[in-house]
Structure formats: C-alpha cells, structure tokens
Amino acid sequence: MSSGGGFVFVNVALISIWLLLTVLNIVLSIWAYRDSLRRGKSQEYALIVLFGMLFFPIIGLIIYLFIRKD
C-alpha cells in the first residue's frame, strides 16, 4: 500500500500556487492604487480602483488599464 505521498505533493503544489496568485493580486492592486494617485486622481477614485482590483482581479486590471489614459 502506498503512504499517500502523492496527495501531499499535490496539496503543497496547490497551496503554493494559491499563495503566489494571492500575493500577485495584492501587489497588482497596490500598484493600481498608487498609479491612480500618481496620475492625479482623487483618493476616492484610487480606493475604488483598489477594491475593484482586490475583488475582481482579472477584470479589474483589464478595465483599469483601459480607463487610466496614458
């Protein structure tokens, strides 16, 4: 009988991927918040960007990149 070591590896891999994506989400959210402040937007606008990026990371990033106007 096997000791179930394969399941442990899969669990560790999934947790590692989840942690990486979570950290990436937080870093991108903070970047978008700071970027909107640097571009002269209001504090309220920057907070909306921050929360939008935190709760809807992929869609939020796409929308922010379209509306930020270089």
PDB file of N, CA and C in Angstrom:
ATOM      1  N   MET A   1       0.822  -1.186   0.000  1.00  0.00           N
ATOM      2  CA  MET A   1       0.000   0.000   0.000  1.00  0.00           C
ATOM      3  C   MET A   1       0.868   1.251   0.000  1.00  0.00           C
ATOM      4  N   SER A   2       0.422   2.257  -0.674  1.00  0.00           N
ATOM      5  CA  SER A   2       1.187   3.500  -0.719  1.00  0.00           C
ATOM      6  C   SER A   2       0.865   4.352   0.507  1.00  0.00           C
ATOM      7  N   SER A   3       1.770   5.238   0.811  1.00  0.00           N
ATOM      8  CA  SER A   3       1.607   6.075   2.003  1.00  0.00           C
ATOM      9  C   SER A   3       0.810   7.349   1.716  1.00  0.00           C
ATOM     10  N   GLY A   4       0.420   7.577   0.493  1.00  0.00           N
ATOM     11  CA  GLY A   4      -0.346   8.776   0.159  1.00  0.00           C
ATOM     12  C   GLY A   4       0.526   9.998  -0.047  1.00  0.00           C
ATOM     13  N   GLY A   5       1.792   9.816  -0.317  1.00  0.00           N
ATOM     14  CA  GLY A   5       2.717  10.932  -0.511  1.00  0.00           C
ATOM     15  C   GLY A   5       2.384  11.786  -1.717  1.00  0.00           C
ATOM     16  N   GLY A   6       1.744  11.197  -2.729  1.00  0.00           N
ATOM     17  CA  GLY A   6       1.366  11.953  -3.917  1.00  0.00           C
ATOM     18  C   GLY A   6       0.334  13.016  -3.615  1.00  0.00           C
ATOM     19  N   PHE A   7      -0.595  12.695  -2.717  1.00  0.00           N
ATOM     20  CA  PHE A   7      -1.620  13.663  -2.347  1.00  0.00           C
ATOM     21  C   PHE A   7      -1.017  14.839  -1.592  1.00  0.00           C
ATOM     22  N   VAL A   8      -0.022  14.576  -0.774  1.00  0.00           N
ATOM     23  CA  VAL A   8       0.638  15.648  -0.038  1.00  0.00           C
ATOM     24  C   VAL A   8       1.335  16.589  -1.015  1.00  0.00           C
ATOM     25  N   PHE A   9       2.008  16.028  -2.012  1.00  0.00           N
ATOM     26  CA  PHE A   9       2.688  16.854  -3.015  1.00  0.00           C
ATOM     27  C   PHE A   9       1.694  17.723  -3.776  1.00  0.00           C
ATOM     28  N   VAL A  10       0.570  17.140  -4.155  1.00  0.00           N
ATOM     29  CA  VAL A  10      -0.451  17.898  -4.890  1.00  0.00           C
ATOM     30  C   VAL A  10      -1.004  19.013  -4.012  1.00  0.00           C
ATOM     31  N   ASN A  11      -1.255  18.718  -2.745  1.00  0.00           N
ATOM     32  CA  ASN A  11      -1.774  19.744  -1.837  1.00  0.00           C
ATOM     33  C   ASN A  11      -0.777  20.880  -1.653  1.00  0.00           C
ATOM     34  N   VAL A  12       0.486  20.545  -1.478  1.00  0.00           N
ATOM     35  CA  VAL A  12       1.515  21.574  -1.321  1.00  0.00           C
ATOM     36  C   VAL A  12       1.624  22.405  -2.594  1.00  0.00           C
ATOM     37  N   ALA A  13       1.559  21.772  -3.746  1.00  0.00           N
ATOM     38  CA  ALA A  13       1.639  22.493  -5.016  1.00  0.00           C
ATOM     39  C   ALA A  13       0.446  23.436  -5.181  1.00  0.00           C
ATOM     40  N   LEU A  14      -0.747  22.970  -4.862  1.00  0.00           N
ATOM     41  CA  LEU A  14      -1.936  23.815  -4.994  1.00  0.00           C
ATOM     42  C   LEU A  14      -1.903  24.992  -4.025  1.00  0.00           C
ATOM     43  N   ILE A  15      -1.471  24.747  -2.807  1.00  0.00           N
ATOM     44  CA  ILE A  15      -1.372  25.830  -1.831  1.00  0.00           C
ATOM     45  C   ILE A  15      -0.318  26.843  -2.269  1.00  0.00           C
ATOM     46  N   SER A  16       0.780  26.368  -2.818  1.00  0.00           N
ATOM     47  CA  SER A  16       1.831  27.272  -3.302  1.00  0.00           C
ATOM     48  C   SER A  16       1.329  28.139  -4.450  1.00  0.00           C
ATOM     49  N   ILE A  17       0.607  27.548  -5.373  1.00  0.00           N
ATOM     50  CA  ILE A  17       0.049  28.306  -6.498  1.00  0.00           C
ATOM     51  C   ILE A  17      -0.962  29.327  -5.995  1.00  0.00           C
ATOM     52  N   TRP A  18      -1.808  28.921  -5.051  1.00  0.00           N
ATOM     53  CA  TRP A  18      -2.807  29.830  -4.489  1.00  0.00           C
ATOM     54  C   TRP A  18      -2.120  31.009  -3.795  1.00  0.00           C
ATOM     55  N   LEU A  19      -1.075  30.744  -3.017  1.00  0.00           N
ATOM     56  CA  LEU A  19      -0.348  31.820  -2.340  1.00  0.00           C
ATOM     57  C   LEU A  19       0.309  32.764  -3.342  1.00  0.00           C
ATOM     58  N   LEU A  20       0.893  32.220  -4.387  1.00  0.00           N
ATOM     59  CA  LEU A  20       1.523  33.041  -5.418  1.00  0.00           C
ATOM     60  C   LEU A  20       0.500  33.959  -6.089  1.00  0.00           C
ATOM     61  N   LEU A  21      -0.656  33.417  -6.444  1.00  0.00           N
ATOM     62  CA  LEU A  21      -1.691  34.225  -7.086  1.00  0.00           C
ATOM     63  C   LEU A  21      -2.254  35.282  -6.140  1.00  0.00           C
ATOM     64  N   THR A  22      -2.371  34.948  -4.862  1.00  0.00           N
ATOM     65  CA  THR A  22      -2.861  35.909  -3.880  1.00  0.00           C
ATOM     66  C   THR A  22      -1.881  37.066  -3.714  1.00  0.00           C
ATOM     67  N   VAL A  23      -0.602  36.747  -3.605  1.00  0.00           N
ATOM     68  CA  VAL A  23       0.418  37.798  -3.483  1.00  0.00           C
ATOM     69  C   VAL A  23       0.446  38.651  -4.746  1.00  0.00           C
ATOM     70  N   LEU A  24       0.351  38.033  -5.912  1.00  0.00           N
ATOM     71  CA  LEU A  24       0.318  38.778  -7.171  1.00  0.00           C
ATOM     72  C   LEU A  24      -0.890  39.709  -7.221  1.00  0.00           C
ATOM     73  N   ASN A  25      -2.038  39.248  -6.763  1.00  0.00           N
ATOM     74  CA  ASN A  25      -3.246  40.068  -6.729  1.00  0.00           C
ATOM     75  C   ASN A  25      -3.047  41.282  -5.827  1.00  0.00           C
ATOM     76  N   ILE A  26      -2.465  41.072  -4.657  1.00  0.00           N
ATOM     77  CA  ILE A  26      -2.249  42.178  -3.723  1.00  0.00           C
ATOM     78  C   ILE A  26      -1.251  43.183  -4.299  1.00  0.00           C
ATOM     79  N   VAL A  27      -0.171  42.687  -4.885  1.00  0.00           N
ATOM     80  CA  VAL A  27       0.843  43.576  -5.465  1.00  0.00           C
ATOM     81  C   VAL A  27       0.251  44.399  -6.612  1.00  0.00           C
ATOM     82  N   LEU A  28      -0.511  43.765  -7.493  1.00  0.00           N
ATOM     83  CA  LEU A  28      -1.126  44.500  -8.605  1.00  0.00           C
ATOM     84  C   LEU A  28      -2.166  45.503  -8.112  1.00  0.00           C
ATOM     85  N   SER A  29      -2.898  45.160  -7.072  1.00  0.00           N
ATOM     86  CA  SER A  29      -3.889  46.080  -6.511  1.00  0.00           C
ATOM     87  C   SER A  29      -3.215  47.318  -5.937  1.00  0.00           C
ATOM     88  N   ILE A  30      -2.129  47.122  -5.201  1.00  0.00           N
ATOM     89  CA  ILE A  30      -1.396  48.256  -4.637  1.00  0.00           C
ATOM     90  C   ILE A  30      -0.787  49.098  -5.753  1.00  0.00           C
ATOM     91  N   TRP A  31      -0.267  48.445  -6.795  1.00  0.00           N
ATOM     92  CA  TRP A  31       0.285  49.191  -7.926  1.00  0.00           C
ATOM     93  C   TRP A  31      -0.783  50.069  -8.574  1.00  0.00           C
ATOM     94  N   ALA A  32      -1.969  49.510  -8.810  1.00  0.00           N
ATOM     95  CA  ALA A  32      -3.038  50.275  -9.455  1.00  0.00           C
ATOM     96  C   ALA A  32      -3.473  51.443  -8.573  1.00  0.00           C
ATOM     97  N   TYR A  33      -3.541  51.227  -7.270  1.00  0.00           N
ATOM     98  CA  TYR A  33      -3.899  52.294  -6.329  1.00  0.00           C
ATOM     99  C   TYR A  33      -2.884  53.435  -6.405  1.00  0.00           C
ATOM    100  N   ARG A  34      -1.610  53.101  -6.310  1.00  0.00           N
ATOM    101  CA  ARG A  34      -0.561  54.124  -6.349  1.00  0.00           C
ATOM    102  C   ARG A  34      -0.489  54.801  -7.717  1.00  0.00           C
ATOM    103  N   ASP A  35      -0.706  54.028  -8.775  1.00  0.00           N
ATOM    104  CA  ASP A  35      -0.669  54.588 -10.124  1.00  0.00           C
ATOM    105  C   ASP A  35      -1.788  55.604 -10.316  1.00  0.00           C
ATOM    106  N   SER A  36      -2.964  55.304  -9.808  1.00  0.00           N
ATOM    107  CA  SER A  36      -4.074  56.244  -9.967  1.00  0.00           C
ATOM    108  C   SER A  36      -3.821  57.524  -9.167  1.00  0.00           C
ATOM    109  N   LEU A  37      -3.191  57.410  -7.995  1.00  0.00           N
ATOM    110  CA  LEU A  37      -2.849  58.619  -7.243  1.00  0.00           C
ATOM    111  C   LEU A  37      -1.770  59.424  -7.961  1.00  0.00           C
ATOM    112  N   ARG A  38      -0.778  58.746  -8.546  1.00  0.00           N
ATOM    113  CA  ARG A  38       0.289  59.437  -9.276  1.00  0.00           C
ATOM    114  C   ARG A  38      -0.249  60.173 -10.497  1.00  0.00           C
ATOM    115  N   ARG A  39      -1.323  59.675 -11.058  1.00  0.00           N
ATOM    116  CA  ARG A  39      -1.901  60.307 -12.246  1.00  0.00           C
ATOM    117  C   ARG A  39      -2.856  61.440 -11.883  1.00  0.00           C
ATOM    118  N   GLY A  40      -2.927  61.787 -10.602  1.00  0.00           N
ATOM    119  CA  GLY A  40      -3.720  62.933 -10.188  1.00  0.00           C
ATOM    120  C   GLY A  40      -5.176  62.640  -9.905  1.00  0.00           C
ATOM    121  N   LYS A  41      -5.535  61.386  -9.788  1.00  0.00           N
ATOM    122  CA  LYS A  41      -6.924  61.050  -9.479  1.00  0.00           C
ATOM    123  C   LYS A  41      -7.184  61.277  -7.991  1.00  0.00           C
ATOM    124  N   SER A  42      -8.448  61.363  -7.613  1.00  0.00           N
ATOM    125  CA  SER A  42      -8.799  61.601  -6.215  1.00  0.00           C
ATOM    126  C   SER A  42      -8.573  60.353  -5.370  1.00  0.00           C
ATOM    127  N   GLN A  43      -8.551  60.560  -4.052  1.00  0.00           N
ATOM    128  CA  GLN A  43      -8.376  59.451  -3.112  1.00  0.00           C
ATOM    129  C   GLN A  43      -9.529  58.451  -3.236  1.00  0.00           C
ATOM    130  N   GLU A  44     -10.745  58.940  -3.432  1.00  0.00           N
ATOM    131  CA  GLU A  44     -11.904  58.060  -3.562  1.00  0.00           C
ATOM    132  C   GLU A  44     -11.795  57.191  -4.810  1.00  0.00           C
ATOM    133  N   TYR A  45     -11.380  57.799  -5.902  1.00  0.00           N
ATOM    134  CA  TYR A  45     -11.189  57.046  -7.143  1.00  0.00           C
ATOM    135  C   TYR A  45     -10.146  55.957  -6.949  1.00  0.00           C
ATOM    136  N   ALA A  46      -9.042  56.310  -6.288  1.00  0.00           N
ATOM    137  CA  ALA A  46      -7.972  55.337  -6.048  1.00  0.00           C
ATOM    138  C   ALA A  46      -8.461  54.187  -5.167  1.00  0.00           C
ATOM    139  N   LEU A  47      -9.301  54.477  -4.183  1.00  0.00           N
ATOM    140  CA  LEU A  47      -9.845  53.413  -3.330  1.00  0.00           C
ATOM    141  C   LEU A  47     -10.791  52.504  -4.107  1.00  0.00           C
ATOM    142  N   ILE A  48     -11.574  53.077  -5.000  1.00  0.00           N
ATOM    143  CA  ILE A  48     -12.457  52.260  -5.840  1.00  0.00           C
ATOM    144  C   ILE A  48     -11.623  51.345  -6.727  1.00  0.00           C
ATOM    145  N   VAL A  49     -10.541  51.880  -7.279  1.00  0.00           N
ATOM    146  CA  VAL A  49      -9.634  51.063  -8.090  1.00  0.00           C
ATOM    147  C   VAL A  49      -9.046  49.940  -7.242  1.00  0.00           C
ATOM    148  N   LEU A  50      -8.610  50.272  -6.031  1.00  0.00           N
ATOM    149  CA  LEU A  50      -8.011  49.275  -5.142  1.00  0.00           C
ATOM    150  C   LEU A  50      -8.987  48.147  -4.835  1.00  0.00           C
ATOM    151  N   PHE A  51     -10.200  48.487  -4.420  1.00  0.00           N
ATOM    152  CA  PHE A  51     -11.174  47.447  -4.084  1.00  0.00           C
ATOM    153  C   PHE A  51     -11.639  46.680  -5.316  1.00  0.00           C
ATOM    154  N   GLY A  52     -11.753  47.366  -6.447  1.00  0.00           N
ATOM    155  CA  GLY A  52     -12.101  46.665  -7.679  1.00  0.00           C
ATOM    156  C   GLY A  52     -11.056  45.641  -8.064  1.00  0.00           C
ATOM    157  N   MET A  53      -9.794  46.015  -7.902  1.00  0.00           N
ATOM    158  CA  MET A  53      -8.706  45.084  -8.216  1.00  0.00           C
ATOM    159  C   MET A  53      -8.637  43.940  -7.212  1.00  0.00           C
ATOM    160  N   LEU A  54      -8.932  44.210  -5.951  1.00  0.00           N
ATOM    161  CA  LEU A  54      -8.865  43.149  -4.941  1.00  0.00           C
ATOM    162  C   LEU A  54      -9.963  42.112  -5.140  1.00  0.00           C
ATOM    163  N   PHE A  55     -11.175  42.576  -5.441  1.00  0.00           N
ATOM    164  CA  PHE A  55     -12.302  41.652  -5.525  1.00  0.00           C
ATOM    165  C   PHE A  55     -12.518  41.069  -6.921  1.00  0.00           C
ATOM    166  N   PHE A  56     -12.088  41.770  -7.958  1.00  0.00           N
ATOM    167  CA  PHE A  56     -12.226  41.292  -9.337  1.00  0.00           C
ATOM    168  C   PHE A  56     -10.885  41.463 -10.049  1.00  0.00           C
ATOM    169  N   PRO A  57      -9.893  40.634  -9.727  1.00  0.00           N
ATOM    170  CA  PRO A  57      -8.517  40.906 -10.172  1.00  0.00           C
ATOM    171  C   PRO A  57      -8.321  40.961 -11.684  1.00  0.00           C
ATOM    172  N   ILE A  58      -8.804  40.002 -12.424  1.00  0.00           N
ATOM    173  CA  ILE A  58      -8.531  39.969 -13.864  1.00  0.00           C
ATOM    174  C   ILE A  58      -9.340  41.041 -14.586  1.00  0.00           C
ATOM    175  N   ILE A  59     -10.630  41.061 -14.338  1.00  0.00           N
ATOM    176  CA  ILE A  59     -11.497  42.060 -14.971  1.00  0.00           C
ATOM    177  C   ILE A  59     -11.105  43.461 -14.515  1.00  0.00           C
ATOM    178  N   GLY A  60     -10.811  43.615 -13.222  1.00  0.00           N
ATOM    179  CA  GLY A  60     -10.417  44.917 -12.689  1.00  0.00           C
ATOM    180  C   GLY A  60      -9.159  45.453 -13.337  1.00  0.00           C
ATOM    181  N   LEU A  61      -8.172  44.589 -13.545  1.00  0.00           N
ATOM    182  CA  LEU A  61      -6.925  45.017 -14.182  1.00  0.00           C
ATOM    183  C   LEU A  61      -7.167  45.425 -15.628  1.00  0.00           C
ATOM    184  N   ILE A  62      -7.943  44.647 -16.347  1.00  0.00           N
ATOM    185  CA  ILE A  62      -8.235  44.976 -17.750  1.00  0.00           C
ATOM    186  C   ILE A  62      -8.962  46.313 -17.846  1.00  0.00           C
ATOM    187  N   ILE A  63      -9.974  46.504 -17.012  1.00  0.00           N
ATOM    188  CA  ILE A  63     -10.732  47.759 -17.038  1.00  0.00           C
ATOM    189  C   ILE A  63      -9.841  48.930 -16.654  1.00  0.00           C
ATOM    190  N   TYR A  64      -9.035  48.755 -15.609  1.00  0.00           N
ATOM    191  CA  TYR A  64      -8.165  49.861 -15.187  1.00  0.00           C
ATOM    192  C   TYR A  64      -7.168  50.233 -16.274  1.00  0.00           C
ATOM    193  N   LEU A  65      -6.604  49.253 -16.942  1.00  0.00           N
ATOM    194  CA  LEU A  65      -5.642  49.558 -17.998  1.00  0.00           C
ATOM    195  C   LEU A  65      -6.294  50.301 -19.162  1.00  0.00           C
ATOM    196  N   PHE A  66      -7.594  50.045 -19.400  1.00  0.00           N
ATOM    197  CA  PHE A  66      -8.290  50.763 -20.467  1.00  0.00           C
ATOM    198  C   PHE A  66      -8.652  52.188 -20.060  1.00  0.00           C
ATOM    199  N   ILE A  67      -9.024  52.404 -18.801  1.00  0.00           N
ATOM    200  CA  ILE A  67      -9.521  53.725 -18.410  1.00  0.00           C
ATOM    201  C   ILE A  67      -8.458  54.641 -17.822  1.00  0.00           C
ATOM    202  N   ARG A  68      -7.241  54.170 -17.642  1.00  0.00           N
ATOM    203  CA  ARG A  68      -6.245  55.002 -16.964  1.00  0.00           C
ATOM    204  C   ARG A  68      -5.672  56.105 -17.839  1.00  0.00           C
ATOM    205  N   LYS A  69      -5.794  56.038 -19.133  1.00  0.00           N
ATOM    206  CA  LYS A  69      -5.390  57.079 -20.091  1.00  0.00           C
ATOM    207  C   LYS A  69      -3.955  57.531 -19.887  1.00  0.00           C
ATOM    208  N   ASP A  70      -3.076  56.919 -20.627  1.00  0.00           N
ATOM    209  CA  ASP A  70      -1.654  57.300 -20.562  1.00  0.00           C
ATOM    210  C   ASP A  70      -1.531  58.703 -20.991  1.00  0.00           C
TER     211      ASP A  70
END
